[in-house]
N, C-alpha and C. Protein backbone atom coordinates (compact mmCIF):
# COMPACT_ATOMS: atom_id res chain seq x y z
N MET A 1 -38.37 0.56 13.99
CA MET A 1 -38.09 0.18 12.33
C MET A 1 -39.16 -1.37 12.56
N THR A 2 -40.06 -1.07 11.20
CA THR A 2 -40.66 -2.19 10.90
C THR A 2 -40.39 -3.34 10.33
N PRO A 3 -41.10 -4.40 10.28
CA PRO A 3 -40.40 -5.79 9.70
C PRO A 3 -40.25 -5.30 8.13
N PHE A 4 -40.86 -4.59 7.52
CA PHE A 4 -40.40 -4.51 6.09
C PHE A 4 -39.36 -3.79 5.92
N GLU A 5 -39.46 -2.85 6.82
CA GLU A 5 -38.32 -1.54 6.69
C GLU A 5 -36.84 -2.17 7.16
N ALA A 6 -36.63 -3.08 7.91
CA ALA A 6 -35.68 -4.23 8.26
C ALA A 6 -35.35 -5.00 7.03
N ALA A 7 -36.30 -5.35 6.36
CA ALA A 7 -36.01 -6.28 5.29
C ALA A 7 -35.58 -5.62 3.88
N THR A 8 -36.04 -4.34 3.77
CA THR A 8 -35.54 -3.60 2.76
C THR A 8 -34.17 -3.38 3.22
N ARG A 9 -33.92 -2.64 4.17
CA ARG A 9 -32.08 -2.34 4.60
C ARG A 9 -31.44 -4.00 3.84
N ALA A 10 -31.82 -5.12 4.49
CA ALA A 10 -31.14 -6.18 4.47
C ALA A 10 -31.30 -6.87 2.96
N ILE A 11 -32.19 -6.46 1.96
CA ILE A 11 -32.25 -6.71 0.73
C ILE A 11 -31.42 -5.90 -0.02
N ILE A 12 -31.09 -4.20 0.14
CA ILE A 12 -30.05 -3.27 -0.19
C ILE A 12 -28.89 -3.79 -0.23
N ALA A 13 -28.45 -4.17 1.35
CA ALA A 13 -27.32 -4.29 1.52
C ALA A 13 -26.74 -5.90 0.94
N ALA A 14 -27.71 -6.76 0.67
CA ALA A 14 -27.28 -8.00 -0.11
C ALA A 14 -27.19 -7.65 -1.65
N GLY A 15 -27.95 -6.75 -2.10
CA GLY A 15 -27.69 -6.34 -3.06
C GLY A 15 -26.06 -5.68 -3.89
N THR A 16 -26.04 -5.04 -2.77
CA THR A 16 -24.59 -4.02 -2.46
C THR A 16 -23.75 -5.35 -2.92
N ARG A 17 -23.18 -6.21 -1.68
CA ARG A 17 -22.63 -7.11 -1.55
C ARG A 17 -22.42 -7.95 -2.85
N LEU A 18 -23.72 -8.51 -3.38
CA LEU A 18 -23.42 -9.32 -4.46
C LEU A 18 -23.01 -9.03 -6.06
N ASP A 19 -23.37 -7.35 -6.15
CA ASP A 19 -23.26 -6.79 -7.25
C ASP A 19 -21.55 -6.91 -7.18
N ARG A 20 -21.18 -6.36 -6.26
CA ARG A 20 -19.54 -6.33 -5.80
C ARG A 20 -18.85 -7.47 -6.36
N ALA A 21 -19.59 -8.65 -5.70
CA ALA A 21 -18.87 -9.75 -6.43
C ALA A 21 -19.15 -10.61 -7.73
N GLY A 22 -19.82 -9.25 -8.66
CA GLY A 22 -20.15 -10.00 -10.09
C GLY A 22 -21.08 -10.88 -10.12
N LEU A 23 -22.01 -11.14 -9.12
CA LEU A 23 -23.26 -11.82 -9.24
C LEU A 23 -24.51 -11.20 -9.56
N ALA A 24 -24.79 -10.10 -9.98
CA ALA A 24 -25.81 -8.94 -9.83
C ALA A 24 -25.40 -8.11 -11.27
N PRO A 25 -25.88 -9.19 -12.52
CA PRO A 25 -25.32 -7.98 -13.76
C PRO A 25 -26.39 -7.35 -14.26
N ALA A 26 -26.29 -5.86 -14.51
CA ALA A 26 -27.20 -5.23 -15.19
C ALA A 26 -28.72 -5.31 -14.35
N THR A 27 -30.00 -5.83 -14.56
CA THR A 27 -31.02 -5.97 -13.66
C THR A 27 -31.29 -7.06 -13.42
N ALA A 28 -30.58 -8.01 -13.68
CA ALA A 28 -30.62 -9.13 -13.48
C ALA A 28 -30.82 -9.53 -11.81
N GLY A 29 -31.24 -10.62 -11.89
CA GLY A 29 -31.62 -11.21 -9.98
C GLY A 29 -32.93 -10.77 -9.30
N ASN A 30 -33.12 -11.49 -8.56
CA ASN A 30 -34.29 -10.69 -7.81
C ASN A 30 -34.02 -11.25 -6.06
N TYR A 31 -34.70 -10.23 -5.05
CA TYR A 31 -34.24 -11.08 -3.93
C TYR A 31 -35.33 -10.67 -3.18
N SER A 32 -35.58 -11.70 -1.90
CA SER A 32 -36.59 -11.56 -1.13
C SER A 32 -36.57 -12.00 0.46
N VAL A 33 -37.52 -11.64 0.86
CA VAL A 33 -37.46 -12.11 2.66
C VAL A 33 -38.78 -12.22 3.26
N ARG A 34 -39.33 -13.18 3.58
CA ARG A 34 -40.62 -13.50 4.44
C ARG A 34 -40.93 -12.73 5.54
N LEU A 35 -41.90 -11.97 5.36
CA LEU A 35 -42.04 -11.08 6.75
C LEU A 35 -43.03 -11.91 7.25
N PRO A 36 -42.99 -11.41 8.93
CA PRO A 36 -43.27 -12.29 10.14
C PRO A 36 -45.12 -12.35 9.63
N ASP A 37 -45.89 -11.52 9.20
CA ASP A 37 -47.11 -11.69 8.79
C ASP A 37 -47.30 -12.90 7.67
N GLY A 38 -46.54 -13.59 7.00
CA GLY A 38 -46.53 -14.12 5.91
C GLY A 38 -46.25 -13.26 4.69
N THR A 39 -46.41 -11.91 4.28
CA THR A 39 -46.19 -11.46 3.00
C THR A 39 -44.63 -11.30 2.63
N ILE A 40 -44.38 -10.75 1.51
CA ILE A 40 -42.82 -10.88 1.37
C ILE A 40 -42.26 -9.59 0.69
N ALA A 41 -41.70 -9.26 1.14
CA ALA A 41 -40.54 -8.11 0.82
C ALA A 41 -39.62 -8.62 -0.33
N LEU A 42 -39.92 -7.73 -1.44
CA LEU A 42 -39.11 -8.16 -2.87
C LEU A 42 -38.81 -7.18 -3.59
N THR A 43 -37.67 -7.30 -4.47
CA THR A 43 -36.96 -6.36 -5.41
C THR A 43 -38.12 -6.24 -6.62
N VAL A 44 -38.50 -4.91 -7.13
CA VAL A 44 -39.19 -4.60 -7.92
C VAL A 44 -38.62 -5.19 -9.32
N SER A 45 -39.62 -5.27 -10.56
CA SER A 45 -38.98 -5.67 -11.66
C SER A 45 -38.03 -4.31 -12.22
N GLY A 46 -36.67 -4.69 -13.09
CA GLY A 46 -35.89 -4.01 -13.61
C GLY A 46 -35.20 -3.23 -12.76
N ALA A 47 -34.73 -3.35 -11.31
CA ALA A 47 -34.12 -2.61 -10.73
C ALA A 47 -32.80 -2.98 -10.43
N HIS A 48 -31.39 -2.28 -10.62
CA HIS A 48 -29.97 -2.84 -11.05
C HIS A 48 -29.85 -3.04 -9.16
N LYS A 49 -29.39 -4.53 -8.74
CA LYS A 49 -29.51 -4.99 -7.52
C LYS A 49 -28.19 -3.94 -6.84
N GLY A 50 -27.35 -3.75 -7.65
CA GLY A 50 -26.21 -2.86 -6.77
C GLY A 50 -26.35 -1.59 -6.35
N ARG A 51 -27.61 -0.99 -7.00
CA ARG A 51 -27.81 0.61 -6.64
C ARG A 51 -29.25 0.46 -6.18
N LEU A 52 -29.77 -0.40 -5.40
CA LEU A 52 -31.59 -0.32 -5.30
C LEU A 52 -31.38 0.95 -3.96
N GLU A 53 -32.72 1.34 -4.17
CA GLU A 53 -33.32 2.81 -3.61
C GLU A 53 -34.31 1.76 -2.34
N PRO A 54 -34.60 2.48 -1.40
CA PRO A 54 -35.71 1.79 -0.51
C PRO A 54 -37.27 1.58 -1.48
N GLU A 55 -36.90 2.41 -2.34
CA GLU A 55 -38.74 2.77 -3.29
C GLU A 55 -38.78 1.30 -4.03
N GLN A 56 -37.60 0.71 -4.42
CA GLN A 56 -37.72 -0.39 -5.39
C GLN A 56 -37.72 -1.85 -4.86
N VAL A 57 -37.95 -1.82 -3.23
CA VAL A 57 -38.30 -2.98 -2.56
C VAL A 57 -40.13 -2.80 -2.38
N MET A 58 -40.89 -3.87 -2.63
CA MET A 58 -41.98 -3.71 -2.65
C MET A 58 -42.38 -4.79 -2.03
N ARG A 59 -43.96 -4.77 -1.54
CA ARG A 59 -44.71 -5.73 -0.57
C ARG A 59 -45.77 -6.72 -1.72
N ALA A 60 -45.66 -8.38 -1.56
CA ALA A 60 -46.51 -9.13 -2.39
C ALA A 60 -47.08 -9.90 -1.44
N SER A 61 -48.10 -10.44 -1.46
CA SER A 61 -49.01 -11.73 -1.30
C SER A 61 -47.96 -12.82 -1.24
N PRO A 62 -48.56 -13.98 -0.54
CA PRO A 62 -47.90 -15.39 -0.22
C PRO A 62 -47.53 -15.80 -1.98
N ASP A 63 -48.79 -14.95 -2.58
CA ASP A 63 -49.22 -16.07 -3.90
C ASP A 63 -48.46 -14.92 -5.15
N GLY A 64 -47.88 -14.03 -4.70
CA GLY A 64 -47.37 -12.98 -5.58
C GLY A 64 -47.91 -12.06 -6.19
N ILE A 65 -48.95 -11.79 -5.17
CA ILE A 65 -49.58 -10.47 -5.83
C ILE A 65 -49.29 -9.13 -4.87
N ALA A 66 -49.04 -8.19 -6.06
CA ALA A 66 -48.54 -7.02 -5.35
C ALA A 66 -49.55 -6.32 -4.25
N LEU A 67 -49.14 -5.92 -3.40
CA LEU A 67 -49.85 -5.30 -2.21
C LEU A 67 -49.84 -3.80 -1.86
N ASP A 68 -48.94 -3.12 -3.39
CA ASP A 68 -48.46 -1.83 -3.19
C ASP A 68 -48.85 -0.86 -4.52
N GLY A 69 -49.06 -1.74 -4.97
CA GLY A 69 -49.38 -0.89 -6.81
C GLY A 69 -47.70 -1.42 -7.60
N LYS A 70 -46.73 -1.78 -6.90
CA LYS A 70 -45.46 -1.64 -7.99
C LYS A 70 -45.35 -3.11 -8.33
N ARG A 71 -44.34 -2.97 -9.30
CA ARG A 71 -44.33 -4.41 -10.40
C ARG A 71 -43.05 -5.14 -10.02
N PRO A 72 -43.99 -6.46 -9.80
CA PRO A 72 -43.05 -7.59 -8.99
C PRO A 72 -42.26 -8.02 -10.18
N SER A 73 -41.29 -8.79 -10.10
CA SER A 73 -40.52 -9.53 -11.12
C SER A 73 -40.79 -10.93 -11.69
N ALA A 74 -41.41 -11.01 -12.89
CA ALA A 74 -41.84 -12.07 -13.32
C ALA A 74 -41.57 -13.23 -12.52
N GLU A 75 -40.47 -13.43 -12.11
CA GLU A 75 -39.61 -14.89 -11.28
C GLU A 75 -40.35 -14.66 -9.77
N THR A 76 -41.31 -14.02 -9.26
CA THR A 76 -42.06 -13.87 -8.01
C THR A 76 -42.41 -14.94 -7.73
N LEU A 77 -42.76 -16.14 -8.81
CA LEU A 77 -43.34 -17.14 -8.28
C LEU A 77 -42.71 -18.23 -7.64
N LEU A 78 -41.35 -17.76 -8.44
CA LEU A 78 -40.44 -18.96 -7.67
C LEU A 78 -40.05 -18.87 -6.40
N HIS A 79 -39.83 -17.37 -5.89
CA HIS A 79 -40.26 -17.09 -4.56
C HIS A 79 -41.11 -17.78 -3.44
N CYS A 80 -42.25 -17.47 -4.10
CA CYS A 80 -43.68 -17.89 -3.63
C CYS A 80 -43.54 -19.52 -3.44
N LEU A 81 -42.96 -20.12 -4.53
CA LEU A 81 -42.81 -21.70 -4.33
C LEU A 81 -41.95 -21.86 -3.27
N VAL A 82 -40.60 -21.42 -2.94
CA VAL A 82 -39.85 -21.85 -2.43
C VAL A 82 -40.02 -21.46 -0.43
N TYR A 83 -41.05 -20.50 -0.65
CA TYR A 83 -41.73 -20.02 0.81
C TYR A 83 -42.78 -21.25 0.98
N ALA A 84 -43.54 -21.68 -0.15
CA ALA A 84 -44.86 -22.56 0.28
C ALA A 84 -43.93 -23.80 0.53
N VAL A 85 -42.81 -24.36 -0.24
CA VAL A 85 -42.44 -25.49 0.21
C VAL A 85 -41.47 -25.82 1.26
N ASP A 86 -40.62 -24.88 1.64
CA ASP A 86 -39.71 -25.17 2.40
C ASP A 86 -40.24 -23.84 3.94
N PRO A 87 -40.99 -24.42 5.07
CA PRO A 87 -41.57 -23.55 5.90
C PRO A 87 -40.35 -22.67 6.83
N THR A 88 -38.88 -23.23 6.77
CA THR A 88 -37.82 -22.85 7.26
C THR A 88 -37.38 -21.37 6.87
N ALA A 89 -37.87 -21.12 5.34
CA ALA A 89 -36.93 -20.20 4.30
C ALA A 89 -37.65 -18.81 5.00
N GLY A 90 -36.38 -18.26 5.03
CA GLY A 90 -36.64 -16.62 5.31
C GLY A 90 -36.30 -15.87 4.32
N GLY A 91 -34.96 -15.65 3.56
CA GLY A 91 -34.74 -15.18 2.21
C GLY A 91 -34.56 -15.76 1.27
N VAL A 92 -34.79 -15.34 -0.01
CA VAL A 92 -34.05 -16.15 -1.50
C VAL A 92 -33.51 -15.20 -1.98
N LEU A 93 -32.41 -15.69 -2.60
CA LEU A 93 -31.52 -14.84 -3.79
C LEU A 93 -31.53 -15.22 -4.75
N HIS A 94 -31.84 -14.84 -5.77
CA HIS A 94 -31.30 -15.39 -7.34
C HIS A 94 -30.36 -14.51 -8.04
N THR A 95 -29.25 -15.11 -8.08
CA THR A 95 -28.01 -14.46 -8.57
C THR A 95 -27.63 -14.99 -10.03
N HIS A 96 -26.66 -14.43 -10.82
CA HIS A 96 -26.16 -14.62 -11.90
C HIS A 96 -24.83 -14.46 -11.90
N SER A 97 -24.38 -15.73 -12.74
CA SER A 97 -22.45 -15.77 -12.67
C SER A 97 -22.40 -16.48 -14.00
N VAL A 98 -21.31 -15.81 -14.37
CA VAL A 98 -20.64 -16.61 -15.85
C VAL A 98 -20.37 -18.00 -15.92
N THR A 99 -19.69 -18.26 -14.26
CA THR A 99 -19.28 -19.60 -14.44
C THR A 99 -20.40 -20.88 -14.36
N GLY A 100 -21.40 -20.37 -13.66
CA GLY A 100 -22.57 -20.92 -13.50
C GLY A 100 -23.40 -21.55 -14.60
N VAL A 101 -23.64 -19.97 -15.29
CA VAL A 101 -24.25 -20.10 -16.76
C VAL A 101 -23.58 -21.44 -17.48
N VAL A 102 -22.34 -20.90 -17.47
CA VAL A 102 -21.57 -21.64 -18.43
C VAL A 102 -21.62 -23.23 -18.15
N LEU A 103 -21.38 -23.37 -16.89
CA LEU A 103 -21.06 -25.00 -16.71
C LEU A 103 -22.89 -25.52 -16.79
N SER A 104 -23.68 -25.10 -16.56
CA SER A 104 -25.18 -25.73 -16.81
C SER A 104 -25.16 -25.66 -17.95
N ARG A 105 -24.95 -24.82 -18.86
CA ARG A 105 -25.23 -25.16 -20.29
C ARG A 105 -24.03 -26.39 -20.72
N ALA A 106 -22.97 -26.58 -20.47
CA ALA A 106 -21.98 -27.76 -21.01
C ALA A 106 -22.84 -29.00 -20.07
N LEU A 107 -23.40 -29.00 -18.80
CA LEU A 107 -24.05 -30.03 -18.56
C LEU A 107 -25.71 -30.03 -19.26
N ALA A 108 -25.68 -30.20 -20.71
CA ALA A 108 -26.53 -30.68 -21.18
C ALA A 108 -27.56 -32.09 -21.20
N GLY A 109 -28.62 -32.14 -20.54
CA GLY A 109 -29.43 -33.27 -20.74
C GLY A 109 -28.94 -33.63 -19.49
N ARG A 110 -28.49 -33.19 -18.67
CA ARG A 110 -28.39 -33.59 -17.03
C ARG A 110 -29.51 -32.73 -16.29
N GLN A 111 -30.03 -33.37 -15.32
CA GLN A 111 -30.86 -32.79 -14.52
C GLN A 111 -30.60 -32.42 -13.13
N ALA A 112 -29.32 -32.21 -12.79
CA ALA A 112 -28.71 -32.11 -11.67
C ALA A 112 -27.25 -31.58 -11.57
N ILE A 113 -26.82 -30.98 -10.86
CA ILE A 113 -25.35 -30.66 -10.65
C ILE A 113 -24.91 -31.20 -9.51
N VAL A 114 -23.93 -32.01 -9.65
CA VAL A 114 -23.69 -32.95 -8.97
C VAL A 114 -22.57 -32.40 -8.04
N LEU A 115 -22.14 -32.29 -6.69
CA LEU A 115 -21.21 -31.74 -5.85
C LEU A 115 -20.54 -32.70 -4.86
N ASP A 116 -19.25 -33.11 -4.85
CA ASP A 116 -18.95 -34.46 -4.48
C ASP A 116 -17.47 -34.02 -3.56
N GLY A 117 -17.78 -34.17 -2.56
CA GLY A 117 -16.32 -34.22 -1.52
C GLY A 117 -15.61 -32.60 -1.10
N TYR A 118 -16.40 -31.76 -1.44
CA TYR A 118 -16.13 -30.66 -1.01
C TYR A 118 -16.53 -30.35 0.39
N GLU A 119 -15.42 -29.38 0.94
CA GLU A 119 -15.52 -29.00 2.21
C GLU A 119 -16.65 -27.92 2.41
N LEU A 120 -17.05 -27.37 1.35
CA LEU A 120 -18.32 -26.11 1.32
C LEU A 120 -19.31 -26.42 1.24
N LEU A 121 -19.31 -27.89 1.40
CA LEU A 121 -20.75 -28.80 1.36
C LEU A 121 -21.65 -28.57 2.52
N LYS A 122 -20.63 -28.43 3.72
CA LYS A 122 -21.17 -27.74 5.07
C LYS A 122 -22.25 -26.77 5.18
N VAL A 123 -22.26 -25.83 3.80
CA VAL A 123 -22.95 -24.88 4.28
C VAL A 123 -24.71 -25.00 4.09
N PHE A 124 -24.86 -26.49 3.58
CA PHE A 124 -26.31 -27.21 3.52
C PHE A 124 -26.58 -28.03 4.60
N PRO A 125 -27.91 -27.69 5.24
CA PRO A 125 -28.45 -28.04 6.04
C PRO A 125 -28.12 -29.53 6.58
N GLY A 126 -27.85 -30.09 8.05
CA GLY A 126 -27.37 -31.12 7.75
C GLY A 126 -26.27 -32.07 7.37
N ILE A 127 -25.61 -31.02 6.62
CA ILE A 127 -24.08 -31.66 6.04
C ILE A 127 -23.30 -31.58 7.22
N ASP A 128 -22.38 -32.15 7.80
CA ASP A 128 -21.24 -32.11 8.65
C ASP A 128 -20.12 -32.65 8.17
N THR A 129 -20.01 -33.05 7.20
CA THR A 129 -18.26 -33.60 6.52
C THR A 129 -18.56 -33.14 5.15
N HIS A 130 -16.94 -33.26 4.97
CA HIS A 130 -16.78 -33.04 3.25
C HIS A 130 -17.27 -34.44 2.25
N ALA A 131 -17.20 -35.27 3.20
CA ALA A 131 -17.24 -36.78 2.61
C ALA A 131 -18.64 -37.51 2.53
N THR A 132 -19.38 -36.31 1.41
CA THR A 132 -20.68 -36.50 0.95
C THR A 132 -20.81 -35.91 -0.37
N ARG A 133 -21.91 -36.11 -1.11
CA ARG A 133 -22.21 -35.74 -2.37
C ARG A 133 -23.84 -34.93 -1.95
N VAL A 134 -24.06 -34.06 -2.99
CA VAL A 134 -25.40 -33.39 -3.14
C VAL A 134 -25.62 -33.30 -4.51
N ALA A 135 -26.91 -33.48 -5.01
CA ALA A 135 -27.29 -32.81 -6.46
C ALA A 135 -28.26 -31.83 -6.23
N ILE A 136 -27.69 -30.90 -6.99
CA ILE A 136 -28.67 -29.31 -6.99
C ILE A 136 -29.44 -29.62 -8.24
N PRO A 137 -30.66 -29.65 -7.98
CA PRO A 137 -31.57 -29.76 -9.22
C PRO A 137 -31.35 -28.61 -10.17
N LEU A 138 -31.25 -29.04 -11.51
CA LEU A 138 -30.81 -28.27 -12.73
C LEU A 138 -32.06 -28.28 -13.54
N VAL A 139 -32.97 -27.26 -13.59
CA VAL A 139 -34.02 -27.53 -14.91
C VAL A 139 -34.19 -26.51 -15.86
N GLU A 140 -34.90 -26.56 -16.56
CA GLU A 140 -34.77 -25.67 -18.39
C GLU A 140 -35.31 -24.39 -17.75
N ASN A 141 -34.90 -23.84 -18.61
CA ASN A 141 -35.31 -22.32 -18.45
C ASN A 141 -36.45 -21.90 -19.32
N SER A 142 -37.29 -21.05 -18.75
CA SER A 142 -38.44 -20.99 -19.52
C SER A 142 -38.97 -19.39 -18.95
N GLN A 143 -39.73 -18.74 -20.29
CA GLN A 143 -40.76 -17.99 -19.82
C GLN A 143 -41.91 -17.70 -18.84
N ASP A 144 -42.36 -19.33 -18.79
CA ASP A 144 -43.58 -19.89 -18.53
C ASP A 144 -43.28 -20.01 -16.99
N MET A 145 -43.23 -19.07 -16.16
CA MET A 145 -43.34 -19.22 -14.65
C MET A 145 -43.78 -20.14 -14.01
N VAL A 146 -45.17 -20.61 -14.15
CA VAL A 146 -46.13 -21.15 -13.30
C VAL A 146 -45.60 -22.54 -13.87
N ALA A 147 -45.20 -23.20 -15.27
CA ALA A 147 -44.83 -24.19 -15.72
C ALA A 147 -43.43 -24.75 -14.92
N MET A 148 -42.53 -23.67 -14.87
CA MET A 148 -41.44 -24.09 -14.21
C MET A 148 -41.51 -23.74 -12.34
N ALA A 149 -42.07 -23.33 -11.84
CA ALA A 149 -42.77 -23.44 -10.52
C ALA A 149 -43.43 -24.84 -10.49
N ASP A 150 -43.92 -25.42 -11.66
CA ASP A 150 -44.66 -26.84 -11.32
C ASP A 150 -43.74 -27.77 -11.41
N SER A 151 -43.08 -27.63 -12.46
CA SER A 151 -41.68 -28.92 -12.47
C SER A 151 -41.11 -28.51 -11.07
N LEU A 152 -40.56 -27.62 -10.75
CA LEU A 152 -39.66 -27.73 -9.58
C LEU A 152 -40.48 -28.29 -8.21
N ARG A 153 -41.66 -27.83 -8.20
CA ARG A 153 -42.49 -28.34 -7.00
C ARG A 153 -42.23 -29.60 -6.16
N PRO A 154 -42.04 -30.77 -7.19
CA PRO A 154 -42.32 -32.28 -6.53
C PRO A 154 -40.79 -32.26 -6.64
N LEU A 155 -39.64 -31.79 -7.35
CA LEU A 155 -38.32 -32.10 -6.87
C LEU A 155 -38.11 -31.70 -5.68
N LEU A 156 -38.33 -30.29 -5.27
CA LEU A 156 -38.08 -29.96 -3.80
C LEU A 156 -38.96 -30.51 -3.02
N ALA A 157 -39.92 -30.83 -3.14
CA ALA A 157 -40.68 -31.80 -2.12
C ALA A 157 -40.19 -32.83 -1.98
N ALA A 158 -39.75 -33.33 -2.80
CA ALA A 158 -39.32 -34.71 -2.60
C ALA A 158 -38.06 -34.83 -1.65
N GLN A 159 -37.41 -33.76 -1.42
CA GLN A 159 -36.12 -33.49 -0.68
C GLN A 159 -36.53 -33.97 1.05
N ASP A 160 -35.31 -34.47 1.81
CA ASP A 160 -35.43 -34.55 2.99
C ASP A 160 -34.14 -34.81 3.51
N PRO A 161 -33.49 -33.54 4.12
CA PRO A 161 -34.24 -32.17 4.02
C PRO A 161 -34.24 -31.22 2.82
N ILE A 162 -34.67 -30.51 2.74
CA ILE A 162 -34.81 -29.86 1.44
C ILE A 162 -33.21 -29.05 1.28
N LEU A 163 -32.90 -29.44 -0.16
CA LEU A 163 -31.59 -28.94 -0.39
C LEU A 163 -32.00 -27.09 -0.74
N PRO A 164 -31.33 -26.18 0.12
CA PRO A 164 -31.98 -24.69 -0.17
C PRO A 164 -31.33 -24.19 -1.55
N ALA A 165 -31.29 -24.73 -3.03
CA ALA A 165 -30.59 -24.50 -3.87
C ALA A 165 -31.53 -25.07 -5.30
N PHE A 166 -31.67 -24.08 -6.37
CA PHE A 166 -32.18 -25.00 -7.73
C PHE A 166 -31.54 -23.84 -8.55
N TYR A 167 -30.54 -24.53 -9.72
CA TYR A 167 -30.17 -23.77 -10.56
C TYR A 167 -30.93 -23.82 -12.08
N ILE A 168 -31.34 -23.07 -12.44
CA ILE A 168 -31.87 -22.71 -13.96
C ILE A 168 -31.12 -22.98 -15.14
N ARG A 169 -31.12 -24.04 -16.03
CA ARG A 169 -29.71 -23.69 -16.88
C ARG A 169 -29.90 -22.73 -17.69
N GLY A 170 -28.55 -22.03 -17.79
CA GLY A 170 -28.24 -20.73 -18.84
C GLY A 170 -28.88 -19.99 -18.25
N HIS A 171 -29.28 -19.57 -17.12
CA HIS A 171 -29.73 -18.34 -16.36
C HIS A 171 -29.16 -18.15 -15.22
N GLY A 172 -29.62 -19.11 -14.10
CA GLY A 172 -28.78 -18.44 -12.90
C GLY A 172 -29.40 -19.13 -11.66
N LEU A 173 -28.68 -18.92 -10.54
CA LEU A 173 -29.01 -19.95 -9.20
C LEU A 173 -29.90 -19.20 -8.64
N TYR A 174 -30.98 -20.00 -7.74
CA TYR A 174 -31.63 -19.69 -6.66
C TYR A 174 -31.58 -20.55 -5.20
N ALA A 175 -30.98 -19.37 -4.45
CA ALA A 175 -30.58 -19.77 -2.98
C ALA A 175 -31.38 -18.96 -1.76
N TRP A 176 -31.59 -20.12 -0.86
CA TRP A 176 -32.45 -19.44 0.17
C TRP A 176 -31.91 -19.99 1.93
N GLY A 177 -32.00 -19.17 2.72
CA GLY A 177 -32.05 -19.99 4.17
C GLY A 177 -33.26 -19.29 5.30
N ARG A 178 -32.51 -19.61 6.44
CA ARG A 178 -33.77 -19.08 7.37
C ARG A 178 -33.40 -17.53 7.24
N THR A 179 -32.67 -16.96 7.07
CA THR A 179 -32.52 -15.49 7.11
C THR A 179 -31.72 -15.11 5.74
N LEU A 180 -31.50 -13.96 5.41
CA LEU A 180 -31.07 -13.34 4.31
C LEU A 180 -29.60 -13.65 4.24
N ALA A 181 -29.06 -13.42 5.19
CA ALA A 181 -27.61 -13.51 5.77
C ALA A 181 -27.08 -15.08 5.24
N GLU A 182 -28.26 -15.87 5.88
CA GLU A 182 -27.91 -17.26 5.69
C GLU A 182 -27.91 -17.67 4.29
N ALA A 183 -28.92 -17.03 3.51
CA ALA A 183 -28.68 -17.30 2.07
C ALA A 183 -27.70 -16.88 1.01
N GLU A 184 -27.49 -15.97 1.78
CA GLU A 184 -26.13 -15.19 1.07
C GLU A 184 -24.88 -16.02 1.20
N ASN A 185 -24.94 -16.51 2.18
CA ASN A 185 -23.66 -18.11 2.43
C ASN A 185 -23.81 -19.13 1.42
N VAL A 186 -25.71 -19.21 1.36
CA VAL A 186 -25.14 -20.97 0.62
C VAL A 186 -24.93 -20.21 -0.91
N VAL A 187 -25.05 -19.26 -1.62
CA VAL A 187 -24.91 -18.35 -2.69
C VAL A 187 -23.55 -18.12 -2.84
N GLU A 188 -22.55 -18.07 -1.95
CA GLU A 188 -21.38 -17.67 -2.03
C GLU A 188 -20.69 -18.82 -2.25
N ALA A 189 -21.10 -20.08 -1.28
CA ALA A 189 -20.53 -21.17 -1.07
C ALA A 189 -21.17 -22.32 -2.79
N VAL A 190 -22.39 -21.97 -2.86
CA VAL A 190 -22.43 -22.42 -4.25
C VAL A 190 -21.93 -21.81 -5.62
N GLU A 191 -21.95 -20.90 -5.35
CA GLU A 191 -21.27 -20.05 -6.47
C GLU A 191 -19.58 -20.35 -6.70
N TYR A 192 -18.88 -20.70 -5.52
CA TYR A 192 -17.28 -20.96 -5.52
C TYR A 192 -17.32 -22.60 -6.00
N LEU A 193 -18.64 -23.44 -5.53
CA LEU A 193 -18.54 -24.98 -5.89
C LEU A 193 -18.79 -25.07 -7.24
N LEU A 194 -19.42 -24.26 -8.15
CA LEU A 194 -19.68 -24.30 -9.68
C LEU A 194 -18.19 -23.73 -10.22
N ALA A 195 -17.69 -23.02 -9.55
CA ALA A 195 -16.45 -22.67 -10.24
C ALA A 195 -15.46 -23.55 -10.38
N CYS A 196 -15.28 -24.28 -8.90
CA CYS A 196 -14.50 -25.69 -8.90
C CYS A 196 -15.22 -26.61 -10.03
N GLU A 197 -16.20 -26.86 -10.36
CA GLU A 197 -16.70 -27.74 -11.03
C GLU A 197 -16.52 -27.33 -12.50
N TRP A 198 -16.12 -26.18 -12.90
CA TRP A 198 -16.19 -26.04 -14.29
C TRP A 198 -14.71 -25.68 -14.48
N GLU A 199 -13.84 -25.86 -13.40
CA GLU A 199 -12.64 -25.83 -14.01
C GLU A 199 -12.35 -27.25 -13.87
N THR A 200 -13.08 -27.99 -13.28
CA THR A 200 -12.51 -29.46 -13.17
C THR A 200 -12.60 -30.11 -14.36
N LEU A 201 -14.28 -29.62 -14.96
CA LEU A 201 -14.53 -30.24 -16.16
C LEU A 201 -13.66 -29.77 -17.14
N LYS A 202 -13.16 -28.39 -17.46
CA LYS A 202 -11.95 -28.00 -18.58
C LYS A 202 -10.93 -28.90 -18.31
N LEU A 203 -10.22 -29.25 -17.10
CA LEU A 203 -8.96 -30.07 -17.11
C LEU A 203 -9.28 -31.51 -17.37
N GLU A 204 -10.34 -32.12 -17.31
CA GLU A 204 -10.75 -33.16 -18.14
C GLU A 204 -10.75 -33.30 -19.43
N ARG A 205 -11.36 -32.33 -19.60
CA ARG A 205 -11.59 -32.04 -21.36
C ARG A 205 -10.12 -32.16 -21.93
N ARG A 206 -9.53 -31.35 -21.38
CA ARG A 206 -7.82 -31.04 -21.76
C ARG A 206 -7.21 -32.41 -21.88
N VAL A 207 -7.05 -32.85 -20.88
CA VAL A 207 -6.73 -34.55 -20.38
C VAL A 207 -6.76 -35.34 -21.27
N SER A 208 -8.17 -35.53 -21.43
CA SER A 208 -8.88 -36.60 -22.35
C SER A 208 -8.45 -36.14 -24.36
């Protein structure tokens, strides 16, 4: 099995699981794996991630240029950005949840989603205790992927270590890891934490 074939299998399996978890509605989201030669295996534009076929995974160059004539997602540049900024990244997942979208819209004007004191923060590199706080970058949605990548680059590059997640307001989560399986762990943990934050925010508003 070639590295591309193995990546394709992993992407299809991730799509099936994330769709069952309600994180891949309609044709939303895109997934990728960095291959040993530096190229990227990623989902084509418009494919339902819960029903992916092998031909719906393509190869692109590190700067997002299609290498096999297939059409990549418009958000391919954000995957390329992650791989360029974080040399340890081996897989990237972009998911969509109702809770995350609603919470990010409720945090209008804020530039980060702050998570404090949660056990699942241990999913992030270098964190081994719940007694910590992380700030997931929260950026405005845009159809201009070049501009969005340009705004994200300094935010990610300034982190040490890099927090493997960011959120696009009203849109969805980007999360990554050394492998696609690790990226999936980050997705599940962050989506759980976003749900906790939303429930907390609703409770605070009822009390006040």
